[in-house]
């Protein structure tokens, strides 16, 4: 009681003067805690575990999947990545067997990559053939994958159906026509995405829509994860989060959590408005962050969340399979 009474008598500016150095100390301690956990458990060291190996395998096979679904797949693409993927699959099999669906799918993608080049009468480099041959030595019972080919009508046919059908029908699209997206249609999607929940309703997300093709090219060149399709982007949405709406130790990552939920909601809203979209990674180095901040004109108080390349798809196009784990593999029900 006495302590609370004293607190009311202390001027606010004096409280802030006392609080700020303490907050700095606590924040440094919190970020050190995060740093140590990420260094220990993230894929940052040479030692491997099943989880870390699977993470690398999924990343690489998805790169190959994306290459196989490009508007104009370049023959012989991904040489170093397919070699690395083969090596990791062999390493995982040697250490842990082939009991993981993601590893099996990775092998299927390798076989599809091999078949794709055979169908196109393209001779792969000797080093690639040797790596694939090591996979073929034990994968004779595994069928190649087949990336999904759909029509535009089929892709959008569940737009007004149940949420289960609607959600299952949405995928990342990397093939756009030159058809323009009216800005009004994007505004409708943004209006729908406003219902995203956020911590204490602070709605920290911000969006920037770019239409100028030259500026979009500069942004996507800096982003770097859109080779083979970025040049087809008609509209580019950059999502950021305003840090000034959060404070204290516990909220140091809340801007990313709320921004991520908004990004997913916006993807659904775009799909509902029959706009094809591909979300792009904004996990940047400090140097790339500054470069993109300058090109985009993003305020220093905002953090990048994601980018979304938008366009109208052609009449027929391919979608990456993007193999999902079974529900039981990633979820736990606690009694």
Protein backbone atom coordinates (compact mmCIF):
# COMPACT_ATOMS: atom_id res chain seq x y z
CA UNK A 1 0.00 0.00 0.00
CA UNK A 2 2.76 2.43 1.01
CA UNK A 3 4.77 1.51 -2.10
CA UNK A 4 1.78 2.17 -4.37
CA UNK A 5 1.21 5.54 -2.74
CA UNK A 6 4.85 6.52 -3.31
CA UNK A 7 4.51 5.49 -6.97
CA UNK A 8 1.65 7.94 -7.48
CA UNK A 9 3.82 10.76 -6.16
CA UNK A 10 6.73 10.12 -8.53
CA UNK A 11 6.53 12.31 -11.69
CA UNK A 12 6.06 10.45 -15.00
CA UNK A 13 9.26 11.83 -16.50
CA UNK A 14 11.23 10.55 -13.51
CA UNK A 15 9.59 7.13 -13.85
CA UNK A 16 10.60 7.03 -17.50
CA UNK A 17 14.13 8.12 -16.60
CA UNK A 18 14.40 5.17 -14.19
CA UNK A 19 12.50 2.71 -16.38
CA UNK A 20 14.34 3.15 -19.69
CA UNK A 21 17.81 1.94 -18.58
CA UNK A 22 16.16 -1.04 -16.88
CA UNK A 23 14.17 -1.81 -20.02
CA UNK A 24 17.35 -1.68 -22.10
CA UNK A 25 19.02 -4.19 -19.80
CA UNK A 26 16.01 -6.53 -19.89
CA UNK A 27 15.70 -6.26 -23.68
CA UNK A 28 19.37 -7.13 -24.16
CA UNK A 29 18.91 -10.12 -21.88
CA UNK A 30 15.80 -11.21 -23.82
CA UNK A 31 17.50 -10.92 -27.20
CA UNK A 32 20.54 -12.78 -25.85
CA UNK A 33 18.16 -15.55 -24.77
CA UNK A 34 16.69 -15.66 -28.30
CA UNK A 35 20.15 -15.59 -29.88
CA UNK A 36 21.37 -18.52 -27.80
CA UNK A 37 18.28 -20.62 -28.59
CA UNK A 38 18.46 -19.89 -32.31
CA UNK A 39 22.18 -20.59 -32.40
CA UNK A 40 21.70 -23.89 -30.57
CA UNK A 41 18.55 -25.24 -32.18
CA UNK A 42 18.41 -23.48 -35.56
CA UNK A 43 20.08 -24.85 -38.67
CA UNK A 44 23.21 -22.81 -38.01
CA UNK A 45 25.82 -25.38 -37.05
CA UNK A 46 27.42 -28.28 -38.86
CA UNK A 47 25.93 -31.02 -36.71
CA UNK A 48 22.80 -32.58 -38.18
CA UNK A 49 19.64 -33.96 -36.63
CA UNK A 50 16.59 -35.52 -38.33
CA UNK A 51 14.72 -32.22 -38.04
CA UNK A 52 17.55 -30.13 -39.50
CA UNK A 53 18.14 -32.58 -42.35
CA UNK A 54 14.43 -32.64 -43.18
CA UNK A 55 14.37 -28.85 -43.18
CA UNK A 56 17.15 -28.70 -45.76
CA UNK A 57 15.58 -31.46 -47.85
CA UNK A 58 12.18 -29.72 -47.97
CA UNK A 59 13.77 -26.39 -48.86
CA UNK A 60 15.71 -27.93 -51.75
CA UNK A 61 13.00 -30.16 -53.19
CA UNK A 62 10.60 -27.21 -53.17
CA UNK A 63 13.11 -25.19 -55.19
CA UNK A 64 13.11 -28.01 -57.76
CA UNK A 65 9.31 -28.19 -57.69
CA UNK A 66 9.11 -24.47 -58.37
CA UNK A 67 11.53 -24.87 -61.28
CA UNK A 68 9.34 -27.60 -62.77
CA UNK A 69 6.27 -25.33 -62.61
CA UNK A 70 7.78 -22.19 -64.09
CA UNK A 71 6.14 -20.60 -67.15
CA UNK A 72 9.25 -21.54 -69.14
CA UNK A 73 11.26 -24.18 -67.32
CA UNK A 74 14.94 -23.84 -68.20
CA UNK A 75 16.47 -27.19 -69.12
CA UNK A 76 19.31 -28.17 -66.81
CA UNK A 77 18.14 -25.80 -64.08
CA UNK A 78 19.17 -26.22 -60.45
CA UNK A 79 22.31 -28.28 -61.05
CA UNK A 80 23.97 -27.65 -57.68
CA UNK A 81 20.67 -27.91 -55.82
CA UNK A 82 19.68 -31.25 -57.28
CA UNK A 83 23.14 -32.60 -56.44
CA UNK A 84 22.83 -31.31 -52.89
CA UNK A 85 19.30 -32.72 -52.58
CA UNK A 86 20.47 -36.17 -53.68
CA UNK A 87 23.34 -36.06 -51.17
CA UNK A 88 21.02 -35.08 -48.31
CA UNK A 89 18.51 -37.81 -49.16
CA UNK A 90 21.31 -40.38 -49.20
CA UNK A 91 22.60 -39.05 -45.89
CA UNK A 92 19.15 -39.20 -44.31
CA UNK A 93 18.57 -42.75 -45.59
CA UNK A 94 21.93 -43.89 -44.23
CA UNK A 95 21.27 -42.41 -40.77
CA UNK A 96 17.52 -42.72 -40.28
CA UNK A 97 16.03 -44.84 -43.06
CA UNK A 98 13.19 -43.77 -45.32
CA UNK A 99 10.33 -43.52 -42.84
CA UNK A 100 9.62 -39.82 -43.40
CA UNK A 101 7.07 -38.83 -46.04
CA UNK A 102 8.99 -35.67 -46.86
CA UNK A 103 12.12 -37.64 -47.76
CA UNK A 104 10.09 -40.00 -49.92
CA UNK A 105 8.54 -37.03 -51.66
CA UNK A 106 11.98 -35.47 -52.19
CA UNK A 107 13.06 -38.67 -53.97
CA UNK A 108 9.91 -38.51 -56.09
CA UNK A 109 10.80 -34.94 -57.09
CA UNK A 110 14.33 -36.04 -58.02
CA UNK A 111 12.85 -38.77 -60.23
CA UNK A 112 10.45 -36.28 -61.83
CA UNK A 113 13.37 -33.93 -62.51
CA UNK A 114 15.20 -36.81 -64.21
CA UNK A 115 12.15 -37.84 -66.26
CA UNK A 116 11.45 -34.23 -67.27
CA UNK A 117 14.89 -33.89 -68.85
CA UNK A 118 14.65 -37.30 -70.53
CA UNK A 119 11.31 -36.33 -72.11
CA UNK A 120 12.91 -33.17 -73.43
CA UNK A 121 15.96 -35.06 -74.75
CA UNK A 122 18.29 -32.98 -72.59
CA UNK A 123 21.48 -34.61 -71.36
CA UNK A 124 22.21 -33.62 -67.79
CA UNK A 125 25.76 -32.97 -66.57
CA UNK A 126 27.73 -36.06 -65.61
CA UNK A 127 27.87 -35.00 -61.94
CA UNK A 128 24.07 -34.69 -61.83
CA UNK A 129 23.54 -38.06 -63.52
CA UNK A 130 25.88 -39.75 -61.05
CA UNK A 131 23.97 -38.34 -58.08
CA UNK A 132 20.60 -39.31 -59.50
CA UNK A 133 21.93 -42.81 -60.27
CA UNK A 134 22.72 -43.25 -56.56
CA UNK A 135 19.06 -42.49 -55.84
CA UNK A 136 17.87 -44.85 -58.58
CA UNK A 137 19.89 -47.68 -56.99
CA UNK A 138 17.33 -47.99 -54.18
CA UNK A 139 14.29 -46.05 -55.43
CA UNK A 140 13.01 -48.54 -57.98
CA UNK A 141 9.74 -48.92 -56.07
CA UNK A 142 9.16 -45.16 -55.83
CA UNK A 143 7.15 -43.40 -58.54
CA UNK A 144 8.14 -39.93 -59.79
CA UNK A 145 6.03 -37.04 -58.59
CA UNK A 146 3.96 -35.03 -61.05
CA UNK A 147 3.45 -31.32 -60.52
CA UNK A 148 -0.20 -30.29 -60.69
CA UNK A 149 -1.51 -28.88 -63.96
CA UNK A 150 -4.82 -26.99 -63.79
CA UNK A 151 -6.97 -24.65 -65.82
CA UNK A 152 -7.80 -21.17 -64.58
CA UNK A 153 -11.47 -22.16 -64.36
CA UNK A 154 -10.68 -25.18 -62.17
CA UNK A 155 -8.32 -23.21 -59.96
CA UNK A 156 -10.99 -20.65 -59.06
CA UNK A 157 -14.04 -22.94 -59.14
CA UNK A 158 -14.30 -23.20 -55.33
CA UNK A 159 -14.19 -19.44 -54.74
CA UNK A 160 -17.76 -19.38 -53.39
CA UNK A 161 -17.90 -22.88 -51.90
CA UNK A 162 -17.42 -24.06 -48.32
CA UNK A 163 -14.34 -22.83 -46.51
CA UNK A 164 -12.85 -26.34 -46.61
CA UNK A 165 -13.01 -26.46 -50.41
CA UNK A 166 -12.03 -22.81 -50.71
CA UNK A 167 -8.96 -23.12 -48.47
CA UNK A 168 -7.79 -26.36 -50.05
CA UNK A 169 -8.02 -24.81 -53.52
CA UNK A 170 -5.61 -21.94 -52.82
CA UNK A 171 -1.97 -22.39 -53.83
CA UNK A 172 0.94 -20.16 -54.73
CA UNK A 173 0.89 -19.31 -58.44
CA UNK A 174 4.04 -18.38 -60.39
CA UNK A 175 2.57 -17.94 -63.82
CA UNK A 176 0.79 -14.72 -64.83
CA UNK A 177 -0.48 -13.25 -68.08
CA UNK A 178 -0.02 -9.64 -69.15
CA UNK A 179 -3.62 -8.91 -68.15
CA UNK A 180 -3.92 -5.93 -65.81
CA UNK A 181 -5.47 -6.22 -62.36
CA UNK A 182 -7.78 -3.25 -61.72
CA UNK A 183 -6.73 -1.51 -58.52
CA UNK A 184 -10.35 -1.68 -57.37
CA UNK A 185 -10.12 -5.48 -57.18
CA UNK A 186 -7.06 -5.25 -54.95
CA UNK A 187 -8.88 -2.73 -52.77
CA UNK A 188 -11.72 -5.23 -52.34
CA UNK A 189 -9.21 -7.81 -51.14
CA UNK A 190 -7.65 -5.30 -48.74
CA UNK A 191 -11.10 -4.46 -47.40
CA UNK A 192 -11.80 -8.13 -46.71
CA UNK A 193 -8.41 -8.63 -45.04
CA UNK A 194 -9.22 -5.88 -42.51
CA UNK A 195 -10.98 -8.46 -40.33
CA UNK A 196 -7.65 -10.07 -39.35
CA UNK A 197 -7.37 -10.38 -35.55
CA UNK A 198 -4.49 -8.61 -33.85
CA UNK A 199 -3.07 -8.17 -30.35
CA UNK A 200 -5.42 -5.78 -28.51
CA UNK A 201 -6.83 -4.70 -31.89
CA UNK A 202 -3.71 -2.68 -32.71
CA UNK A 203 -3.79 -3.62 -36.42
CA UNK A 204 -0.09 -3.05 -36.96
CA UNK A 205 -0.04 -4.16 -40.61
CA UNK A 206 0.61 -1.73 -43.44
CA UNK A 207 0.49 -2.44 -47.18
CA UNK A 208 2.12 -0.82 -50.18
CA UNK A 209 0.82 -1.67 -53.66
CA UNK A 210 3.24 -1.13 -56.56
CA UNK A 211 2.06 -0.95 -60.17
CA UNK A 212 5.06 0.51 -61.99
CA UNK A 213 6.84 -2.41 -63.67
CA UNK A 214 10.29 -0.83 -63.46
CA UNK A 215 9.98 -0.26 -59.73
CA UNK A 216 8.53 -3.75 -59.22
CA UNK A 217 11.55 -5.15 -61.04
CA UNK A 218 13.95 -3.25 -58.78
CA UNK A 219 12.17 -4.48 -55.68
CA UNK A 220 12.00 -8.10 -56.83
CA UNK A 221 15.62 -8.08 -58.02
CA UNK A 222 16.61 -7.02 -54.50
CA UNK A 223 14.30 -9.59 -52.89
CA UNK A 224 15.94 -12.31 -54.94
CA UNK A 225 13.48 -15.20 -54.53
CA UNK A 226 11.42 -14.84 -57.69
CA UNK A 227 13.65 -16.01 -60.52
CA UNK A 228 11.73 -17.29 -63.54
CA UNK A 229 8.41 -15.58 -62.79
CA UNK A 230 8.96 -12.25 -61.03
CA UNK A 231 9.05 -10.39 -64.36
CA UNK A 232 5.41 -11.42 -64.94
CA UNK A 233 4.15 -9.70 -61.78
CA UNK A 234 1.37 -7.23 -62.53
CA UNK A 235 0.95 -5.80 -59.04
CA UNK A 236 3.26 -6.21 -56.05
CA UNK A 237 1.98 -5.92 -52.48
CA UNK A 238 4.55 -5.24 -49.78
CA UNK A 239 3.33 -5.94 -46.25
CA UNK A 240 5.02 -4.30 -43.28
CA UNK A 241 4.32 -4.00 -39.56
CA UNK A 242 4.47 -0.83 -37.46
CA UNK A 243 6.75 -1.41 -34.45
CA UNK A 244 5.55 1.72 -32.64
CA UNK A 245 2.34 -0.06 -31.64
CA UNK A 246 4.21 -2.52 -29.42
CA UNK A 247 6.45 -2.21 -26.41
CA UNK A 248 8.13 -4.05 -23.58
CA UNK A 249 10.03 -7.31 -23.51
CA UNK A 250 7.15 -9.71 -24.21
CA UNK A 251 5.99 -7.97 -27.41
CA UNK A 252 9.34 -7.88 -29.20
CA UNK A 253 8.08 -10.23 -31.96
CA UNK A 254 4.37 -9.41 -31.92
CA UNK A 255 4.65 -7.26 -35.04
CA UNK A 256 5.68 -10.36 -37.02
CA UNK A 257 2.95 -12.54 -35.52
CA UNK A 258 0.17 -10.08 -36.31
CA UNK A 259 1.70 -9.30 -39.71
CA UNK A 260 1.90 -12.99 -40.58
CA UNK A 261 -1.77 -13.52 -39.75
CA UNK A 262 -2.68 -10.52 -41.90
CA UNK A 263 -0.60 -11.85 -44.80
CA UNK A 264 -2.46 -15.18 -44.73
CA UNK A 265 -5.81 -13.44 -44.54
CA UNK A 266 -4.85 -11.24 -47.49
CA UNK A 267 -3.87 -14.31 -49.53
CA UNK A 268 -7.34 -15.74 -48.92
CA UNK A 269 -8.92 -12.40 -49.83
CA UNK A 270 -6.97 -12.29 -53.10
CA UNK A 271 -8.04 -15.84 -53.91
CA UNK A 272 -11.65 -14.92 -53.17
CA UNK A 273 -11.34 -12.08 -55.68
CA UNK A 274 -9.81 -14.51 -58.21
CA UNK A 275 -6.39 -12.88 -58.19
CA UNK A 276 -3.49 -15.32 -58.42
CA UNK A 277 -0.73 -14.68 -55.90
CA UNK A 278 2.61 -15.91 -54.67
CA UNK A 279 3.89 -14.85 -51.24
CA UNK A 280 7.59 -13.99 -51.11
CA UNK A 281 10.00 -14.22 -48.20
CA UNK A 282 11.12 -11.03 -46.47
CA UNK A 283 13.63 -12.58 -44.06
CA UNK A 284 16.49 -10.27 -44.99
CA UNK A 285 20.01 -9.45 -43.93
CA UNK A 286 20.43 -5.92 -42.53
CA UNK A 287 22.04 -4.84 -45.82
CA UNK A 288 19.13 -6.12 -47.92
CA UNK A 289 16.64 -4.65 -45.47
CA UNK A 290 18.14 -1.20 -45.94
CA UNK A 291 18.27 -1.59 -49.72
CA UNK A 292 14.62 -2.65 -49.96
CA UNK A 293 13.57 0.02 -47.48
CA UNK A 294 15.07 2.65 -49.78
CA UNK A 295 13.56 1.24 -52.97
CA UNK A 296 10.10 0.79 -51.45
CA UNK A 297 10.07 3.98 -49.40
CA UNK A 298 9.26 2.11 -46.19
CA UNK A 299 9.46 4.00 -42.90
CA UNK A 300 12.20 3.07 -40.43
CA UNK A 301 9.55 2.26 -37.82
CA UNK A 302 8.08 -0.49 -40.01
CA UNK A 303 9.41 -4.02 -40.40
CA UNK A 304 9.03 -6.05 -43.58
CA UNK A 305 6.61 -8.97 -43.19
CA UNK A 306 6.21 -10.35 -46.72
CA UNK A 307 5.66 -9.47 -50.36
CA UNK A 308 2.89 -10.83 -52.57
CA UNK A 309 3.35 -11.03 -56.34
CA UNK A 310 -0.06 -10.76 -58.01
CA UNK A 311 -1.36 -11.45 -61.51
CA UNK A 312 -4.03 -13.07 -63.63
CA UNK A 313 -3.10 -16.67 -64.47
CA UNK A 314 -3.17 -18.09 -68.01
CA UNK A 315 -5.80 -20.57 -69.15
CA UNK A 316 -3.57 -23.49 -68.14
CA UNK A 317 -0.64 -23.55 -65.71
CA UNK A 318 1.22 -25.69 -63.19
CA UNK A 319 1.22 -25.63 -59.38
CA UNK A 320 3.93 -27.10 -57.15
CA UNK A 321 2.75 -30.12 -55.17
CA UNK A 322 4.19 -28.76 -51.91
CA UNK A 323 3.74 -32.02 -49.98
CA UNK A 324 2.05 -31.50 -46.62
CA UNK A 325 2.67 -33.51 -43.49
CA UNK A 326 -0.21 -35.53 -42.10
CA UNK A 327 -2.08 -33.76 -39.32
CA UNK A 328 -0.74 -36.25 -36.75
CA UNK A 329 2.85 -35.38 -37.69
CA UNK A 330 2.63 -31.72 -36.66
CA UNK A 331 -0.16 -31.53 -34.09
CA UNK A 332 -0.53 -32.70 -30.51
CA UNK A 333 -3.71 -33.08 -28.53
CA UNK A 334 -2.96 -32.74 -24.81
CA UNK A 335 -5.39 -34.28 -22.31
